[in-house]
Amino acid sequence: MDYREECEWTLRFEGSASFGEDYDGELDGYAWRERFYSEIAPRVLRAVFRELQDVPGWKIRPANRGRSSEDEVLVKVELEVNDDPGVPGD
């Protein structure tokens, strides 16, 4: 029987923008949010994958579970266990 252990760690980003009293609100289609998702989010993801891909003994991959990538990006980080079950990683 195979055994699997898991853990979870959350890194959460909350974007915001403040506007003056003359702001038209949602009439601009929340343009600031589009900038967040097109300028900030891709940089964060690239940085995460760039840093983690070079860690020996770990496999990194995206794995969203049916949620919009604007709401959540799941990064699966899996230890590659040797043939000897008592010795994890390299």
Protein backbone atom coordinates (compact mmCIF):
# COMPACT_ATOMS: atom_id res chain seq x y z
CA MET A 1 0.00 0.00 0.00
CA ASP A 2 1.34 3.45 -0.89
CA TYR A 3 1.26 6.19 1.71
CA ARG A 4 0.90 9.85 0.88
CA GLU A 5 1.45 12.76 3.22
CA GLU A 6 0.45 16.32 2.35
CA CYS A 7 0.80 19.81 3.70
CA GLU A 8 -0.54 23.17 2.62
CA TRP A 9 0.95 26.66 2.86
CA THR A 10 -0.83 29.77 1.60
CA LEU A 11 0.80 32.87 0.17
CA ARG A 12 -2.02 35.36 -0.42
CA PHE A 13 -1.93 38.58 -2.44
CA GLU A 14 -4.65 41.21 -2.10
CA GLY A 15 -4.62 44.02 -4.66
CA SER A 16 -6.31 47.37 -4.07
CA ALA A 17 -6.53 50.87 -5.51
CA SER A 18 -7.80 54.14 -4.04
CA PHE A 19 -9.50 56.83 -6.09
CA GLY A 20 -10.72 60.38 -5.60
CA GLU A 21 -14.36 61.39 -5.24
CA ASP A 22 -14.71 61.91 -9.01
CA TYR A 23 -14.02 58.22 -9.72
CA ASP A 24 -16.66 56.62 -11.94
CA GLY A 25 -16.46 53.29 -10.15
CA GLU A 26 -17.23 50.19 -12.12
CA LEU A 27 -17.96 52.19 -15.27
CA ASP A 28 -14.32 51.73 -16.34
CA GLY A 29 -14.64 47.96 -16.04
CA TYR A 30 -12.32 47.84 -13.02
CA ALA A 31 -9.32 48.66 -15.21
CA TRP A 32 -6.99 48.64 -12.20
CA ARG A 33 -7.82 44.97 -11.61
CA GLU A 34 -6.89 44.13 -15.17
CA ARG A 35 -3.52 45.78 -14.59
CA PHE A 36 -3.05 43.72 -11.44
CA TYR A 37 -3.78 40.47 -13.28
CA SER A 38 -1.72 41.38 -16.34
CA GLU A 39 1.27 43.04 -14.64
CA ILE A 40 1.62 41.69 -11.10
CA ALA A 41 0.22 38.14 -11.11
CA PRO A 42 2.32 36.81 -14.02
CA ARG A 43 5.52 38.18 -12.47
CA VAL A 44 4.76 36.51 -9.16
CA LEU A 45 4.09 33.17 -10.86
CA ARG A 46 7.22 33.36 -12.99
CA ALA A 47 9.30 34.17 -9.92
CA VAL A 48 7.84 31.27 -7.94
CA PHE A 49 8.41 28.73 -10.71
CA ARG A 50 11.88 30.12 -11.52
CA GLU A 51 12.97 29.76 -7.90
CA LEU A 52 11.43 26.36 -7.26
CA GLN A 53 12.38 24.58 -10.50
CA ASP A 54 16.04 24.43 -9.48
CA VAL A 55 15.52 22.87 -6.04
CA PRO A 56 16.92 19.32 -6.28
CA GLY A 57 14.57 16.46 -5.50
CA TRP A 58 11.31 18.37 -6.00
CA LYS A 59 8.86 18.38 -8.92
CA ILE A 60 6.91 21.63 -9.41
CA ARG A 61 3.76 22.05 -11.53
CA PRO A 62 0.60 24.16 -11.74
CA ALA A 63 -2.57 22.27 -10.84
CA ASN A 64 -5.69 24.43 -10.52
CA ARG A 65 -8.77 22.63 -9.27
CA GLY A 66 -11.55 24.20 -11.28
CA ARG A 67 -11.19 27.73 -9.94
CA SER A 68 -10.48 30.78 -12.06
CA SER A 69 -6.79 31.72 -12.19
CA GLU A 70 -7.90 35.17 -11.02
CA ASP A 71 -9.06 33.55 -7.78
CA GLU A 72 -6.44 30.90 -7.19
CA VAL A 73 -3.30 29.37 -8.67
CA LEU A 74 -2.34 26.06 -7.14
CA VAL A 75 1.34 25.08 -7.31
CA LYS A 76 1.94 21.40 -6.67
CA VAL A 77 5.31 20.72 -5.04
CA GLU A 78 6.09 17.01 -4.84
CA LEU A 79 9.13 15.33 -3.33
CA GLU A 80 10.68 12.80 -5.72
CA VAL A 81 11.35 9.85 -3.42
CA ASN A 82 14.23 7.42 -4.17
CA ASP A 83 13.62 3.72 -4.69
CA ASP A 84 14.63 3.20 -1.06
CA PRO A 85 11.41 4.12 0.82
CA GLY A 86 13.40 5.15 3.90
CA VAL A 87 15.40 7.82 2.06
CA PRO A 88 13.44 10.81 0.75
CA GLY A 89 14.80 12.99 -2.06
CA ASP A 90 18.33 13.01 -3.41
